[in-house]
Amino acid sequence: MFVFLLLYLGSGTKQDCRYGSNCRQLSDPTHCDRFKHPTQTTSAFGAAASSDDRLSNKNFDTSSSSHIHTKHGDDMQKAYSIGAAIALESLSQQDQISIKTMREDAIIIVPGTFDHIDRVLSKLNLKYTTVQQYEVINYPFRTYQTVYINCASSFPKEGAHRLRELVEKGLNIITTDWALKNVLQVAFSDFVQDSGKSTRDEVVGIEVADPNHPFVKGFVSAAKHAEPQWWLETASHPIHIVNKEKVKVLIRSQALYDKYQSDAVIVTFDCGQGNVTHMISHFYLQRSETPNSRHKMGAQQYAEDIKASDQITKLITKEGQDLNYAQIQSSSTSAQFIYNLLSNRLNSTKQSTS
């Protein structure tokens, strides 16, 4: 994900890789130089859950893959708390009310192997329901819902085709990375497909391709003083756009195009009455870079750059003294993107309970 979504890990000793033995970068020496991997572990989402085990963020803490509280985890929690406050403040009063009063089941998460949007939503205090992959085929989805499908090594084809039927009736889905091949290429191949290429573990510069689109509202001002970056994990799948008339590129990268002949970082398209949004790489990441001197500055500088309110400035002074510019930029724009998607959806379907 771009540096907006990257969270600083610091230097020194290796961090535990949050993907454990399920990490798809075990053969990448650059990644393994930064992170430690256990010889054997069990994925938090590896075992299939029964319907009675379906979890929401009200009774399940997914903020960490272990019970060890690292400085990285503490910093991430602080950054997302502050980032959420910054993003919420930028929303209209109507959008704020819509989010605060949304239905309990407005957000559905389908767990994957490599991405964990649930951890981000938990830190943004957003309610959600978890539906396992095997349940997608028969789960009673509602067309007002938004379904986040995490990057995973596999996905049931029947589930992908059912999602296509539901999207055409009004469902919105948001997918990440390998879901391009396992979900979109299976059921939405007339819009986008896997390019057949794989990225390295690298960071590329990005730019907003459609600054007027409501999904990326606020991104231009956030990037005004520091060039945004996007982290590509090892074996991320570049996007091949089939229907160039209907698929809109929201975020693009010239460097990505130069290397893989595909510049799309985030794309979105309408399908029937619903919508699909896809991004290369993940919502929830474990690597950060501070590529220039501004990113290394303190969080207060970011507040000054975006002309934050006195309330936000005081919050950063109190809670974010140990955070840097890149962390707050990353968390606030990550929260902004999620809130933009959510508020746009809630307002269009009028599903607020207000």
Protein backbone atom coordinates (compact mmCIF):
# COMPACT_ATOMS: atom_id res chain seq x y z
CA MET A 1 0.00 0.00 0.00
CA PHE A 2 1.16 3.56 -0.43
CA VAL A 3 3.02 5.33 2.32
CA PHE A 4 -0.35 6.71 3.44
CA LEU A 5 -1.02 3.21 4.73
CA LEU A 6 2.47 2.24 5.85
CA LEU A 7 3.34 2.07 9.50
CA TYR A 8 6.82 2.69 10.82
CA LEU A 9 8.60 -0.30 12.31
CA GLY A 10 11.82 1.35 13.36
CA SER A 11 15.27 -0.16 13.10
CA GLY A 12 17.37 -2.59 15.09
CA THR A 13 16.23 -6.10 15.96
CA LYS A 14 13.98 -8.04 13.63
CA GLN A 15 10.24 -7.80 14.11
CA ASP A 16 8.08 -10.92 14.18
CA CYS A 17 6.36 -11.29 10.81
CA ARG A 18 2.64 -11.08 11.51
CA TYR A 19 1.90 -13.66 8.79
CA GLY A 20 4.06 -16.29 10.51
CA SER A 21 4.67 -19.45 8.51
CA ASN A 22 1.85 -18.41 6.14
CA CYS A 23 3.99 -15.53 4.86
CA ARG A 24 4.34 -15.63 1.09
CA GLN A 25 7.72 -13.90 1.24
CA LEU A 26 9.66 -16.68 2.97
CA SER A 27 11.91 -17.00 -0.07
CA ASP A 28 12.62 -13.26 -0.24
CA PRO A 29 15.94 -12.51 1.53
CA THR A 30 15.16 -8.77 1.73
CA HIS A 31 11.96 -9.47 3.63
CA CYS A 32 13.58 -12.10 5.85
CA ASP A 33 16.35 -9.65 6.74
CA ARG A 34 13.65 -7.49 8.34
CA PHE A 35 11.29 -10.06 9.85
CA LYS A 36 11.48 -13.30 11.83
CA HIS A 37 9.33 -16.31 10.94
CA PRO A 38 8.41 -19.25 13.18
CA THR A 39 9.15 -22.74 11.95
CA GLN A 40 5.52 -23.66 12.46
CA THR A 41 2.43 -21.66 13.34
CA THR A 42 -1.30 -21.62 12.89
CA SER A 43 -2.97 -18.80 11.00
CA ALA A 44 -5.48 -16.83 13.02
CA PHE A 45 -7.94 -17.48 10.21
CA GLY A 46 -6.66 -20.88 9.09
CA ALA A 47 -9.35 -23.02 10.64
CA ALA A 48 -12.87 -22.86 9.28
CA ALA A 49 -15.34 -21.41 11.75
CA SER A 50 -18.90 -22.48 12.25
CA SER A 51 -21.79 -20.05 11.88
CA ASP A 52 -21.96 -19.78 15.66
CA ASP A 53 -18.31 -18.75 15.70
CA ARG A 54 -18.86 -15.77 13.41
CA LEU A 55 -17.06 -12.87 15.01
CA SER A 56 -17.47 -9.14 15.15
CA ASN A 57 -15.00 -6.54 16.34
CA LYS A 58 -17.02 -6.14 19.52
CA ASN A 59 -15.88 -9.46 20.94
CA PHE A 60 -12.70 -10.35 19.08
CA ASP A 61 -9.43 -8.45 19.23
CA THR A 62 -7.57 -8.88 15.95
CA SER A 63 -5.10 -6.09 16.57
CA SER A 64 -2.21 -8.49 16.98
CA SER A 65 -1.30 -11.98 15.83
CA SER A 66 0.24 -12.71 19.24
CA HIS A 67 -0.07 -11.60 22.83
CA ILE A 68 3.28 -9.81 22.68
CA HIS A 69 2.81 -6.05 22.73
CA THR A 70 5.59 -4.47 20.71
CA LYS A 71 6.41 -0.81 20.28
CA HIS A 72 5.28 -1.18 16.67
CA GLY A 73 1.86 -2.34 17.82
CA ASP A 74 1.55 0.52 20.29
CA ASP A 75 2.63 3.07 17.69
CA MET A 76 0.22 1.64 15.13
CA GLN A 77 -2.68 1.86 17.55
CA LYS A 78 -1.82 5.46 18.41
CA ALA A 79 -1.39 6.38 14.74
CA TYR A 80 -4.73 4.93 13.70
CA SER A 81 -6.49 6.55 16.64
CA ILE A 82 -5.15 9.96 15.62
CA GLY A 83 -5.60 9.23 11.91
CA ALA A 84 -9.25 8.33 12.46
CA ALA A 85 -9.83 11.62 14.29
CA ILE A 86 -8.21 13.59 11.44
CA ALA A 87 -10.23 11.75 8.78
CA LEU A 88 -13.54 12.05 10.64
CA GLU A 89 -13.02 15.78 11.12
CA SER A 90 -12.67 16.24 7.36
CA LEU A 91 -16.02 14.56 6.65
CA SER A 92 -19.25 16.48 6.34
CA GLN A 93 -21.69 16.43 9.23
CA GLN A 94 -23.99 14.18 7.21
CA ASP A 95 -21.19 11.70 6.53
CA GLN A 96 -20.20 11.60 10.19
CA ILE A 97 -23.78 10.91 11.27
CA SER A 98 -24.16 8.20 8.62
CA ILE A 99 -21.06 6.38 9.86
CA LYS A 100 -21.91 6.70 13.55
CA THR A 101 -25.47 5.42 13.03
CA MET A 102 -24.89 2.78 10.36
CA ARG A 103 -26.44 -0.67 10.61
CA GLU A 104 -24.66 -3.35 12.63
CA ASP A 105 -24.23 -5.48 9.50
CA ALA A 106 -23.32 -2.74 7.01
CA ILE A 107 -19.74 -4.06 6.72
CA ILE A 108 -18.88 -7.70 6.03
CA ILE A 109 -15.33 -9.06 6.12
CA VAL A 110 -14.27 -12.25 4.36
CA PRO A 111 -10.92 -13.25 5.96
CA GLY A 112 -7.94 -14.16 3.85
CA THR A 113 -4.43 -15.40 4.40
CA PHE A 114 -2.29 -12.32 3.88
CA ASP A 115 -4.39 -9.20 4.50
CA HIS A 116 -6.33 -8.23 7.62
CA ILE A 117 -8.63 -5.27 7.02
CA ASP A 118 -10.42 -6.24 10.25
CA ARG A 119 -7.46 -4.96 12.24
CA VAL A 120 -7.70 -1.59 10.55
CA LEU A 121 -11.48 -1.33 11.00
CA SER A 122 -11.16 -2.24 14.67
CA LYS A 123 -8.77 0.65 15.21
CA LEU A 124 -11.23 2.96 13.45
CA ASN A 125 -14.02 1.78 15.78
CA LEU A 126 -16.09 0.52 12.86
CA LYS A 127 -18.54 -2.34 13.35
CA TYR A 128 -18.33 -5.38 11.09
CA THR A 129 -19.39 -9.01 10.75
CA THR A 130 -17.01 -11.78 9.68
CA VAL A 131 -18.15 -14.32 7.07
CA GLN A 132 -15.78 -17.18 6.22
CA GLN A 133 -14.99 -18.03 2.59
CA TYR A 134 -16.94 -21.28 2.67
CA GLU A 135 -20.02 -19.39 3.91
CA VAL A 136 -20.10 -16.95 0.98
CA ILE A 137 -22.04 -19.40 -1.20
CA ASN A 138 -25.08 -19.46 1.11
CA TYR A 139 -24.72 -16.43 3.38
CA PRO A 140 -27.79 -14.10 3.29
CA PHE A 141 -26.03 -10.95 2.07
CA ARG A 142 -28.03 -7.74 1.75
CA THR A 143 -27.53 -5.42 -1.20
CA TYR A 144 -26.90 -2.42 1.08
CA GLN A 145 -23.79 -4.11 2.50
CA THR A 146 -20.13 -3.61 1.62
CA VAL A 147 -18.03 -6.78 1.59
CA TYR A 148 -14.26 -6.62 2.10
CA ILE A 149 -12.50 -9.65 0.62
CA ASN A 150 -8.98 -10.04 1.97
CA CYS A 151 -6.07 -11.28 -0.10
CA ALA A 152 -5.93 -15.08 0.14
CA SER A 153 -4.13 -17.96 -1.54
CA SER A 154 -7.46 -19.43 -2.70
CA PHE A 155 -11.19 -18.70 -2.92
CA PRO A 156 -14.14 -20.97 -3.82
CA LYS A 157 -15.18 -20.39 -7.45
CA GLU A 158 -18.84 -20.86 -6.57
CA GLY A 159 -18.45 -18.06 -4.03
CA ALA A 160 -16.87 -15.76 -6.62
CA HIS A 161 -19.72 -16.34 -9.08
CA ARG A 162 -22.31 -15.72 -6.37
CA LEU A 163 -20.61 -12.43 -5.55
CA ARG A 164 -20.99 -11.42 -9.20
CA GLU A 165 -24.72 -12.11 -9.02
CA LEU A 166 -25.03 -10.10 -5.81
CA VAL A 167 -22.99 -7.16 -7.11
CA GLU A 168 -25.25 -6.94 -10.14
CA LYS A 169 -28.16 -6.64 -7.70
CA GLY A 170 -26.51 -3.87 -5.67
CA LEU A 171 -23.80 -5.32 -3.41
CA ASN A 172 -20.47 -3.47 -3.15
CA ILE A 173 -17.23 -5.44 -2.76
CA ILE A 174 -13.68 -4.29 -2.03
CA THR A 175 -10.86 -6.70 -2.84
CA THR A 176 -7.11 -6.72 -2.30
CA ASP A 177 -4.13 -8.21 -4.14
CA TRP A 178 -4.54 -11.96 -4.86
CA ALA A 179 -8.32 -11.60 -4.88
CA LEU A 180 -7.70 -10.18 -8.37
CA LYS A 181 -6.89 -13.69 -9.58
CA ASN A 182 -9.05 -15.75 -7.21
CA VAL A 183 -12.23 -13.66 -7.29
CA LEU A 184 -12.24 -10.96 -9.98
CA GLN A 185 -10.64 -12.96 -12.79
CA VAL A 186 -13.03 -15.81 -12.02
CA ALA A 187 -16.26 -13.80 -11.96
CA PHE A 188 -15.45 -10.30 -13.28
CA SER A 189 -12.99 -11.12 -16.08
CA ASP A 190 -14.90 -8.86 -18.48
CA PHE A 191 -13.68 -5.90 -16.37
CA VAL A 192 -10.22 -6.75 -14.96
CA GLN A 193 -7.81 -9.67 -14.96
CA ASP A 194 -4.50 -10.72 -13.48
CA SER A 195 -1.71 -9.43 -15.73
CA GLY A 196 0.23 -12.65 -15.24
CA LYS A 197 3.19 -10.79 -13.75
CA SER A 198 4.40 -10.62 -10.15
CA THR A 199 6.06 -7.73 -8.35
CA ARG A 200 9.08 -7.76 -6.10
CA ASP A 201 9.17 -6.43 -2.54
CA GLU A 202 9.49 -2.77 -3.50
CA VAL A 203 8.15 0.74 -3.05
CA VAL A 204 6.94 2.88 -5.97
CA GLY A 205 5.79 6.47 -6.22
CA ILE A 206 2.09 7.04 -6.88
CA GLU A 207 -0.27 9.84 -7.88
CA VAL A 208 -4.00 10.45 -7.71
CA ALA A 209 -5.39 9.78 -11.19
CA ASP A 210 -8.92 11.06 -10.54
CA PRO A 211 -8.78 13.74 -7.80
CA ASN A 212 -12.49 14.51 -8.17
CA HIS A 213 -13.64 10.99 -7.37
CA PRO A 214 -15.32 10.81 -3.93
CA PHE A 215 -13.34 7.69 -2.92
CA VAL A 216 -10.04 9.62 -2.89
CA LYS A 217 -11.34 12.90 -1.49
CA GLY A 218 -8.68 14.51 0.69
CA PHE A 219 -5.73 12.62 -0.79
CA VAL A 220 -4.35 15.51 -2.84
CA SER A 221 -4.02 17.85 0.13
CA ALA A 222 -2.49 15.07 2.24
CA ALA A 223 0.19 14.51 -0.41
CA LYS A 224 0.91 18.19 -1.05
CA HIS A 225 4.14 18.35 0.97
CA ALA A 226 5.44 14.77 0.71
CA GLU A 227 5.40 12.46 -2.30
CA PRO A 228 3.21 9.45 -1.59
CA GLN A 229 4.69 5.96 -1.91
CA TRP A 230 3.09 2.54 -2.36
CA TRP A 231 4.51 -0.67 -0.99
CA LEU A 232 4.28 -3.68 -3.30
CA GLU A 233 4.71 -6.99 -1.55
CA THR A 234 6.56 -9.86 -3.14
CA ALA A 235 4.26 -11.52 -5.72
CA SER A 236 1.59 -8.82 -5.75
CA HIS A 237 -0.43 -9.01 -8.98
CA PRO A 238 -0.44 -6.00 -11.36
CA ILE A 239 -3.89 -5.25 -12.76
CA HIS A 240 -4.81 -5.78 -16.41
CA ILE A 241 -7.80 -3.60 -17.32
CA VAL A 242 -10.04 -5.31 -19.87
CA ASN A 243 -12.90 -2.80 -20.03
CA LYS A 244 -11.10 0.55 -20.20
CA GLU A 245 -14.36 2.42 -20.68
CA LYS A 246 -15.98 1.26 -17.43
CA VAL A 247 -12.98 0.65 -15.15
CA LYS A 248 -11.74 3.86 -13.52
CA VAL A 249 -8.17 4.17 -12.24
CA LEU A 250 -8.18 6.16 -8.99
CA ILE A 251 -4.50 5.83 -8.05
CA ARG A 252 -1.74 5.16 -10.58
CA SER A 253 2.04 4.71 -10.62
CA GLN A 254 4.37 5.49 -13.49
CA ALA A 255 7.09 3.39 -11.85
CA LEU A 256 4.69 0.44 -11.70
CA TYR A 257 3.98 0.87 -15.41
CA ASP A 258 7.67 1.13 -16.29
CA LYS A 259 8.38 -2.17 -14.54
CA TYR A 260 5.22 -4.19 -15.19
CA GLN A 261 3.35 -2.35 -17.99
CA SER A 262 0.40 -1.69 -15.68
CA ASP A 263 0.01 1.61 -13.84
CA ALA A 264 -3.22 0.85 -11.93
CA VAL A 265 -2.90 0.83 -8.13
CA ILE A 266 -6.56 1.31 -7.13
CA VAL A 267 -9.38 0.75 -9.62
CA THR A 268 -13.15 0.85 -9.33
CA PHE A 269 -16.02 -0.09 -11.62
CA ASP A 270 -19.79 -0.36 -11.52
CA CYS A 271 -21.31 -3.72 -12.37
CA GLY A 272 -25.08 -3.75 -12.66
CA GLN A 273 -26.41 -1.91 -9.62
CA GLY A 274 -23.32 -2.56 -7.48
CA ASN A 275 -19.64 -1.63 -7.43
CA VAL A 276 -16.23 -3.29 -7.20
CA THR A 277 -13.08 -1.58 -5.91
CA HIS A 278 -9.72 -3.35 -6.07
CA MET A 279 -6.21 -2.44 -4.97
CA ILE A 280 -2.83 -3.99 -5.55
CA SER A 281 -1.19 -4.99 -2.23
CA HIS A 282 -2.90 -4.79 1.17
CA PHE A 283 -4.84 -2.58 3.55
CA TYR A 284 -2.91 -3.89 6.55
CA LEU A 285 0.85 -3.75 6.18
CA GLN A 286 3.92 -4.40 8.27
CA ARG A 287 6.65 -2.39 6.60
CA SER A 288 7.31 1.34 6.53
CA GLU A 289 9.78 3.66 4.89
CA THR A 290 10.54 7.33 5.38
CA PRO A 291 11.80 8.09 1.85
CA ASN A 292 12.50 11.78 2.36
CA SER A 293 13.34 14.23 5.11
CA ARG A 294 9.76 15.39 5.55
CA HIS A 295 8.52 11.87 6.26
CA LYS A 296 11.08 11.73 9.08
CA MET A 297 9.71 14.88 10.71
CA GLY A 298 7.45 14.74 13.74
CA ALA A 299 3.70 14.23 13.58
CA GLN A 300 3.16 17.89 14.49
CA GLN A 301 4.55 18.91 11.09
CA TYR A 302 1.86 16.90 9.33
CA ALA A 303 -0.82 18.62 11.43
CA GLU A 304 0.64 21.97 10.39
CA ASP A 305 0.81 20.97 6.71
CA ILE A 306 -2.86 19.97 6.53
CA LYS A 307 -3.92 22.93 8.69
CA ALA A 308 -5.44 20.65 11.31
CA SER A 309 -7.79 22.02 13.94
CA ASP A 310 -6.63 22.97 17.42
CA GLN A 311 -8.33 19.84 18.72
CA ILE A 312 -6.27 17.58 16.43
CA THR A 313 -3.07 19.48 17.19
CA LYS A 314 -3.65 19.00 20.92
CA LEU A 315 -4.40 15.31 20.36
CA ILE A 316 -1.11 14.82 18.51
CA THR A 317 0.76 16.74 21.21
CA LYS A 318 -0.74 14.49 23.87
CA GLU A 319 -0.79 11.09 22.14
CA GLY A 320 1.54 11.31 19.15
CA GLN A 321 4.80 12.81 20.35
CA ASP A 322 6.70 9.62 19.45
CA LEU A 323 5.13 9.33 15.99
CA ASN A 324 6.62 10.67 12.78
CA TYR A 325 5.13 12.45 9.77
CA ALA A 326 4.88 9.27 7.67
CA GLN A 327 2.94 7.42 10.35
CA ILE A 328 0.28 10.11 10.72
CA GLN A 329 0.09 10.68 6.97
CA SER A 330 -0.32 6.95 6.46
CA SER A 331 -2.95 6.39 9.14
CA SER A 332 -5.04 9.48 8.36
CA THR A 333 -5.24 8.83 4.62
CA SER A 334 -5.88 5.13 5.21
CA ALA A 335 -8.77 6.10 7.46
CA GLN A 336 -9.88 8.73 4.95
CA PHE A 337 -10.10 6.17 2.14
CA ILE A 338 -12.13 3.76 4.26
CA TYR A 339 -14.44 6.50 5.53
CA ASN A 340 -14.89 7.85 1.99
CA LEU A 341 -15.93 4.43 0.69
CA LEU A 342 -18.23 3.85 3.63
CA SER A 343 -19.93 7.25 3.73
CA ASN A 344 -20.47 7.23 -0.03
CA ARG A 345 -22.07 3.81 0.25
CA LEU A 346 -24.24 4.68 3.26
CA ASN A 347 -25.51 7.89 1.72
CA SER A 348 -26.25 6.27 -1.63
CA THR A 349 -28.28 3.48 -0.06
CA LYS A 350 -29.72 5.59 2.78
CA GLN A 351 -28.97 2.83 5.26
CA SER A 352 -28.23 5.13 8.18
CA THR A 353 -30.59 4.53 11.07
CA SER A 354 -30.85 8.26 11.79
